[in-house]
């Protein structure tokens, strides 16, 4: 497989390129971003209602879960905003937001282990912390690699064209 260098171009040149825009497979990413941004606050609200019904001994753990869910929802809302604004630094922000989300997951696991388990209907019981972190890492890395290798993404977000692109030779 040939390797091509990526050439930065002006935003106007990138916008004139046929690959520019949230079309093609980037529509799927757009849909997932929108659904995640909408689902985060709804899930947080559902858990907040469940926490209100907890006995006093389990209330601190429940409040931690709600607070971390709210922070996590905010993270993915921020990611969706960056996505739909076609932010040039989206991939760097993706890495930072994913790392912050994983840190919140680890913090939630540690705090829940210290304060005791929540009832089963909270759905926070799962595999080991290592398994959950590895799963989160893979789930964050796959879109990163797919986006980084995508010509459509590079044209739309990074304003870069391959060195053999016909638009560059005009």
C-alpha atoms as a PDB file:
ATOM      1  CA  UNK A   1       0.000   0.000   0.000  1.00  0.00           C
ATOM      2  CA  UNK A   2       1.353   3.397  -0.953  1.00  0.00           C
ATOM      3  CA  UNK A   3       1.858   5.973   1.735  1.00  0.00           C
ATOM      4  CA  UNK A   4       0.865   9.494   0.933  1.00  0.00           C
ATOM      5  CA  UNK A   5       1.908  12.684   2.623  1.00  0.00           C
ATOM      6  CA  UNK A   6      -0.801  15.044   3.788  1.00  0.00           C
ATOM      7  CA  UNK A   7      -0.564  18.628   2.593  1.00  0.00           C
ATOM      8  CA  UNK A   8      -2.238  21.399   4.607  1.00  0.00           C
ATOM      9  CA  UNK A   9      -4.468  23.643   2.499  1.00  0.00           C
ATOM     10  CA  UNK A  10      -6.544  26.739   3.125  1.00  0.00           C
ATOM     11  CA  UNK A  11     -10.043  26.246   4.487  1.00  0.00           C
ATOM     12  CA  UNK A  12     -11.518  27.516   1.207  1.00  0.00           C
ATOM     13  CA  UNK A  13      -9.656  24.832  -0.769  1.00  0.00           C
ATOM     14  CA  UNK A  14     -10.783  22.121   1.648  1.00  0.00           C
ATOM     15  CA  UNK A  15     -14.393  23.319   1.506  1.00  0.00           C
ATOM     16  CA  UNK A  16     -14.333  23.122  -2.303  1.00  0.00           C
ATOM     17  CA  UNK A  17     -13.162  19.498  -2.188  1.00  0.00           C
ATOM     18  CA  UNK A  18     -15.789  16.838  -3.003  1.00  0.00           C
ATOM     19  CA  UNK A  19     -14.962  14.945   0.211  1.00  0.00           C
ATOM     20  CA  UNK A  20     -15.611  17.932   2.485  1.00  0.00           C
ATOM     21  CA  UNK A  21     -18.558  17.665   4.845  1.00  0.00           C
ATOM     22  CA  UNK A  22     -20.258  15.304   7.249  1.00  0.00           C
ATOM     23  CA  UNK A  23     -21.382  12.920   4.544  1.00  0.00           C
ATOM     24  CA  UNK A  24     -20.541   9.315   3.842  1.00  0.00           C
ATOM     25  CA  UNK A  25     -19.573   7.287   6.876  1.00  0.00           C
ATOM     26  CA  UNK A  26     -19.148  10.467   8.947  1.00  0.00           C
ATOM     27  CA  UNK A  27     -22.964  10.573   9.121  1.00  0.00           C
ATOM     28  CA  UNK A  28     -22.793   7.545  11.404  1.00  0.00           C
ATOM     29  CA  UNK A  29     -20.336   9.336  13.690  1.00  0.00           C
ATOM     30  CA  UNK A  30     -22.629  12.382  13.656  1.00  0.00           C
ATOM     31  CA  UNK A  31     -25.620  10.258  14.620  1.00  0.00           C
ATOM     32  CA  UNK A  32     -23.726   8.546  17.430  1.00  0.00           C
ATOM     33  CA  UNK A  33     -22.431  11.900  18.707  1.00  0.00           C
ATOM     34  CA  UNK A  34     -25.930  13.350  18.764  1.00  0.00           C
ATOM     35  CA  UNK A  35     -27.425  10.287  20.461  1.00  0.00           C
ATOM     36  CA  UNK A  36     -24.699  10.264  23.100  1.00  0.00           C
ATOM     37  CA  UNK A  37     -25.158  13.967  23.814  1.00  0.00           C
ATOM     38  CA  UNK A  38     -28.920  13.466  24.192  1.00  0.00           C
ATOM     39  CA  UNK A  39     -28.733  10.220  26.184  1.00  0.00           C
ATOM     40  CA  UNK A  40     -26.223  11.482  28.776  1.00  0.00           C
ATOM     41  CA  UNK A  41     -28.555  13.920  30.553  1.00  0.00           C
ATOM     42  CA  UNK A  42     -31.479  11.486  30.332  1.00  0.00           C
ATOM     43  CA  UNK A  43     -29.468   8.669  31.918  1.00  0.00           C
ATOM     44  CA  UNK A  44     -28.227  11.047  34.623  1.00  0.00           C
ATOM     45  CA  UNK A  45     -31.801  12.093  35.408  1.00  0.00           C
ATOM     46  CA  UNK A  46     -32.961   8.459  35.630  1.00  0.00           C
ATOM     47  CA  UNK A  47     -30.153   7.647  38.060  1.00  0.00           C
ATOM     48  CA  UNK A  48     -30.870  10.788  40.107  1.00  0.00           C
ATOM     49  CA  UNK A  49     -34.458   9.606  40.587  1.00  0.00           C
ATOM     50  CA  UNK A  50     -33.176   6.172  41.701  1.00  0.00           C
ATOM     51  CA  UNK A  51     -30.739   7.811  44.152  1.00  0.00           C
ATOM     52  CA  UNK A  52     -33.573   9.770  45.764  1.00  0.00           C
ATOM     53  CA  UNK A  53     -35.124   6.433  46.797  1.00  0.00           C
ATOM     54  CA  UNK A  54     -31.934   4.983  48.335  1.00  0.00           C
ATOM     55  CA  UNK A  55     -31.599   4.348  52.053  1.00  0.00           C
ATOM     56  CA  UNK A  56     -29.364   6.906  53.838  1.00  0.00           C
ATOM     57  CA  UNK A  57     -26.425   4.473  54.108  1.00  0.00           C
ATOM     58  CA  UNK A  58     -26.190   4.146  50.326  1.00  0.00           C
ATOM     59  CA  UNK A  59     -26.890   7.783  49.515  1.00  0.00           C
ATOM     60  CA  UNK A  60     -23.212   8.917  49.285  1.00  0.00           C
ATOM     61  CA  UNK A  61     -22.386   6.191  46.756  1.00  0.00           C
ATOM     62  CA  UNK A  62     -25.505   7.034  44.746  1.00  0.00           C
ATOM     63  CA  UNK A  63     -24.670  10.740  44.711  1.00  0.00           C
ATOM     64  CA  UNK A  64     -21.165   9.938  43.477  1.00  0.00           C
ATOM     65  CA  UNK A  65     -22.610   7.879  40.620  1.00  0.00           C
ATOM     66  CA  UNK A  66     -24.957  10.720  39.636  1.00  0.00           C
ATOM     67  CA  UNK A  67     -22.178  13.319  39.823  1.00  0.00           C
ATOM     68  CA  UNK A  68     -19.828  11.209  37.716  1.00  0.00           C
ATOM     69  CA  UNK A  69     -22.604  10.478  35.212  1.00  0.00           C
ATOM     70  CA  UNK A  70     -23.277  14.214  34.930  1.00  0.00           C
ATOM     71  CA  UNK A  71     -19.583  14.895  34.341  1.00  0.00           C
ATOM     72  CA  UNK A  72     -19.409  12.085  31.794  1.00  0.00           C
ATOM     73  CA  UNK A  73     -22.494  13.406  30.023  1.00  0.00           C
ATOM     74  CA  UNK A  74     -20.880  16.839  29.908  1.00  0.00           C
ATOM     75  CA  UNK A  75     -17.766  15.332  28.380  1.00  0.00           C
ATOM     76  CA  UNK A  76     -19.693  13.736  25.537  1.00  0.00           C
ATOM     77  CA  UNK A  77     -21.808  16.857  24.984  1.00  0.00           C
ATOM     78  CA  UNK A  78     -18.541  18.778  24.602  1.00  0.00           C
ATOM     79  CA  UNK A  79     -17.346  16.147  22.129  1.00  0.00           C
ATOM     80  CA  UNK A  80     -20.547  16.486  20.086  1.00  0.00           C
ATOM     81  CA  UNK A  81     -20.199  20.277  20.030  1.00  0.00           C
ATOM     82  CA  UNK A  82     -16.626  19.975  18.760  1.00  0.00           C
ATOM     83  CA  UNK A  83     -17.728  17.435  16.164  1.00  0.00           C
ATOM     84  CA  UNK A  84     -20.557  19.514  14.739  1.00  0.00           C
ATOM     85  CA  UNK A  85     -18.438  22.667  14.760  1.00  0.00           C
ATOM     86  CA  UNK A  86     -15.896  20.758  12.636  1.00  0.00           C
ATOM     87  CA  UNK A  87     -13.167  21.700  15.118  1.00  0.00           C
ATOM     88  CA  UNK A  88      -9.712  21.183  13.636  1.00  0.00           C
ATOM     89  CA  UNK A  89      -8.466  19.894  16.982  1.00  0.00           C
ATOM     90  CA  UNK A  90     -11.269  17.325  17.307  1.00  0.00           C
ATOM     91  CA  UNK A  91      -8.975  14.272  17.446  1.00  0.00           C
ATOM     92  CA  UNK A  92      -6.758  15.782  20.141  1.00  0.00           C
ATOM     93  CA  UNK A  93      -9.884  16.686  22.105  1.00  0.00           C
ATOM     94  CA  UNK A  94     -11.211  13.126  21.544  1.00  0.00           C
ATOM     95  CA  UNK A  95      -8.113  11.704  23.215  1.00  0.00           C
ATOM     96  CA  UNK A  96      -8.381  14.127  26.137  1.00  0.00           C
ATOM     97  CA  UNK A  97     -12.128  13.609  26.601  1.00  0.00           C
ATOM     98  CA  UNK A  98     -11.752   9.829  26.386  1.00  0.00           C
ATOM     99  CA  UNK A  99      -8.953   9.875  28.967  1.00  0.00           C
ATOM    100  CA  UNK A 100     -11.062  12.027  31.285  1.00  0.00           C
ATOM    101  CA  UNK A 101     -14.021   9.690  30.842  1.00  0.00           C
ATOM    102  CA  UNK A 102     -11.837   6.680  31.697  1.00  0.00           C
ATOM    103  CA  UNK A 103     -10.499   8.496  34.766  1.00  0.00           C
ATOM    104  CA  UNK A 104     -14.087   9.140  35.885  1.00  0.00           C
ATOM    105  CA  UNK A 105     -14.912   5.448  35.421  1.00  0.00           C
ATOM    106  CA  UNK A 106     -11.921   4.427  37.526  1.00  0.00           C
ATOM    107  CA  UNK A 107     -12.798   7.004  40.197  1.00  0.00           C
ATOM    108  CA  UNK A 108     -16.377   5.710  40.309  1.00  0.00           C
ATOM    109  CA  UNK A 109     -15.162   2.115  40.713  1.00  0.00           C
ATOM    110  CA  UNK A 110     -12.778   3.058  43.511  1.00  0.00           C
ATOM    111  CA  UNK A 111     -15.340   5.167  45.370  1.00  0.00           C
ATOM    112  CA  UNK A 112     -18.055   2.528  45.073  1.00  0.00           C
ATOM    113  CA  UNK A 113     -15.677  -0.110  46.414  1.00  0.00           C
ATOM    114  CA  UNK A 114     -14.872   2.130  49.359  1.00  0.00           C
ATOM    115  CA  UNK A 115     -18.501   3.045  50.142  1.00  0.00           C
ATOM    116  CA  UNK A 116     -20.123  -0.255  49.413  1.00  0.00           C
ATOM    117  CA  UNK A 117     -22.207  -1.575  46.565  1.00  0.00           C
ATOM    118  CA  UNK A 118     -25.380  -0.073  45.241  1.00  0.00           C
ATOM    119  CA  UNK A 119     -28.530  -2.121  44.614  1.00  0.00           C
ATOM    120  CA  UNK A 120     -28.442  -4.289  41.468  1.00  0.00           C
ATOM    121  CA  UNK A 121     -30.911  -2.070  39.593  1.00  0.00           C
ATOM    122  CA  UNK A 122     -28.178   0.584  39.325  1.00  0.00           C
ATOM    123  CA  UNK A 123     -26.304  -1.640  36.899  1.00  0.00           C
ATOM    124  CA  UNK A 124     -22.858  -0.593  38.140  1.00  0.00           C
ATOM    125  CA  UNK A 125     -21.687  -4.102  38.874  1.00  0.00           C
ATOM    126  CA  UNK A 126     -19.539  -5.425  36.071  1.00  0.00           C
ATOM    127  CA  UNK A 127     -16.171  -6.894  35.353  1.00  0.00           C
ATOM    128  CA  UNK A 128     -12.910  -5.958  36.948  1.00  0.00           C
ATOM    129  CA  UNK A 129     -11.592  -2.419  36.754  1.00  0.00           C
ATOM    130  CA  UNK A 130      -8.850  -3.589  34.394  1.00  0.00           C
ATOM    131  CA  UNK A 131     -11.383  -5.187  32.008  1.00  0.00           C
ATOM    132  CA  UNK A 132     -13.564  -2.072  32.020  1.00  0.00           C
ATOM    133  CA  UNK A 133     -10.588   0.231  31.414  1.00  0.00           C
ATOM    134  CA  UNK A 134      -9.308  -1.962  28.582  1.00  0.00           C
ATOM    135  CA  UNK A 135     -12.760  -2.012  26.986  1.00  0.00           C
ATOM    136  CA  UNK A 136     -13.011   1.782  27.267  1.00  0.00           C
ATOM    137  CA  UNK A 137      -9.554   2.164  25.759  1.00  0.00           C
ATOM    138  CA  UNK A 138     -10.423  -0.025  22.773  1.00  0.00           C
ATOM    139  CA  UNK A 139     -13.772   1.756  22.320  1.00  0.00           C
ATOM    140  CA  UNK A 140     -11.956   5.101  22.214  1.00  0.00           C
ATOM    141  CA  UNK A 141      -9.039   3.932  20.050  1.00  0.00           C
ATOM    142  CA  UNK A 142     -11.065   2.388  17.216  1.00  0.00           C
ATOM    143  CA  UNK A 143     -12.883   5.608  16.214  1.00  0.00           C
ATOM    144  CA  UNK A 144      -9.641   7.556  16.625  1.00  0.00           C
ATOM    145  CA  UNK A 145      -7.785   5.297  14.178  1.00  0.00           C
ATOM    146  CA  UNK A 146     -10.691   5.214  11.727  1.00  0.00           C
ATOM    147  CA  UNK A 147     -10.989   8.998  11.760  1.00  0.00           C
ATOM    148  CA  UNK A 148      -7.247   9.579  11.484  1.00  0.00           C
ATOM    149  CA  UNK A 149      -7.045   7.333   8.422  1.00  0.00           C
ATOM    150  CA  UNK A 150     -10.171   8.779   6.774  1.00  0.00           C
ATOM    151  CA  UNK A 151      -9.631  11.085   3.813  1.00  0.00           C
ATOM    152  CA  UNK A 152     -13.056  12.628   4.339  1.00  0.00           C
ATOM    153  CA  UNK A 153     -12.241  13.436   7.967  1.00  0.00           C
ATOM    154  CA  UNK A 154      -8.842  14.893   7.098  1.00  0.00           C
ATOM    155  CA  UNK A 155     -10.313  17.112   4.375  1.00  0.00           C
ATOM    156  CA  UNK A 156     -13.259  18.267   6.497  1.00  0.00           C
ATOM    157  CA  UNK A 157     -11.643  18.730   9.895  1.00  0.00           C
ATOM    158  CA  UNK A 158      -7.905  19.078   9.347  1.00  0.00           C
ATOM    159  CA  UNK A 159      -7.973  20.826   5.945  1.00  0.00           C
ATOM    160  CA  UNK A 160      -5.409  18.416   4.565  1.00  0.00           C
ATOM    161  CA  UNK A 161      -5.246  16.764   1.165  1.00  0.00           C
ATOM    162  CA  UNK A 162      -3.139  13.833   0.048  1.00  0.00           C
ATOM    163  CA  UNK A 163      -0.119  14.822  -1.989  1.00  0.00           C
ATOM    164  CA  UNK A 164      -1.555  13.061  -5.067  1.00  0.00           C
ATOM    165  CA  UNK A 165      -4.964  14.786  -4.867  1.00  0.00           C
ATOM    166  CA  UNK A 166      -6.012  16.250  -8.246  1.00  0.00           C
ATOM    167  CA  UNK A 167      -7.192  19.444  -6.521  1.00  0.00           C
ATOM    168  CA  UNK A 168      -3.582  20.210  -5.543  1.00  0.00           C
ATOM    169  CA  UNK A 169      -2.287  20.008  -9.117  1.00  0.00           C
ATOM    170  CA  UNK A 170      -4.678  22.643 -10.444  1.00  0.00           C
END
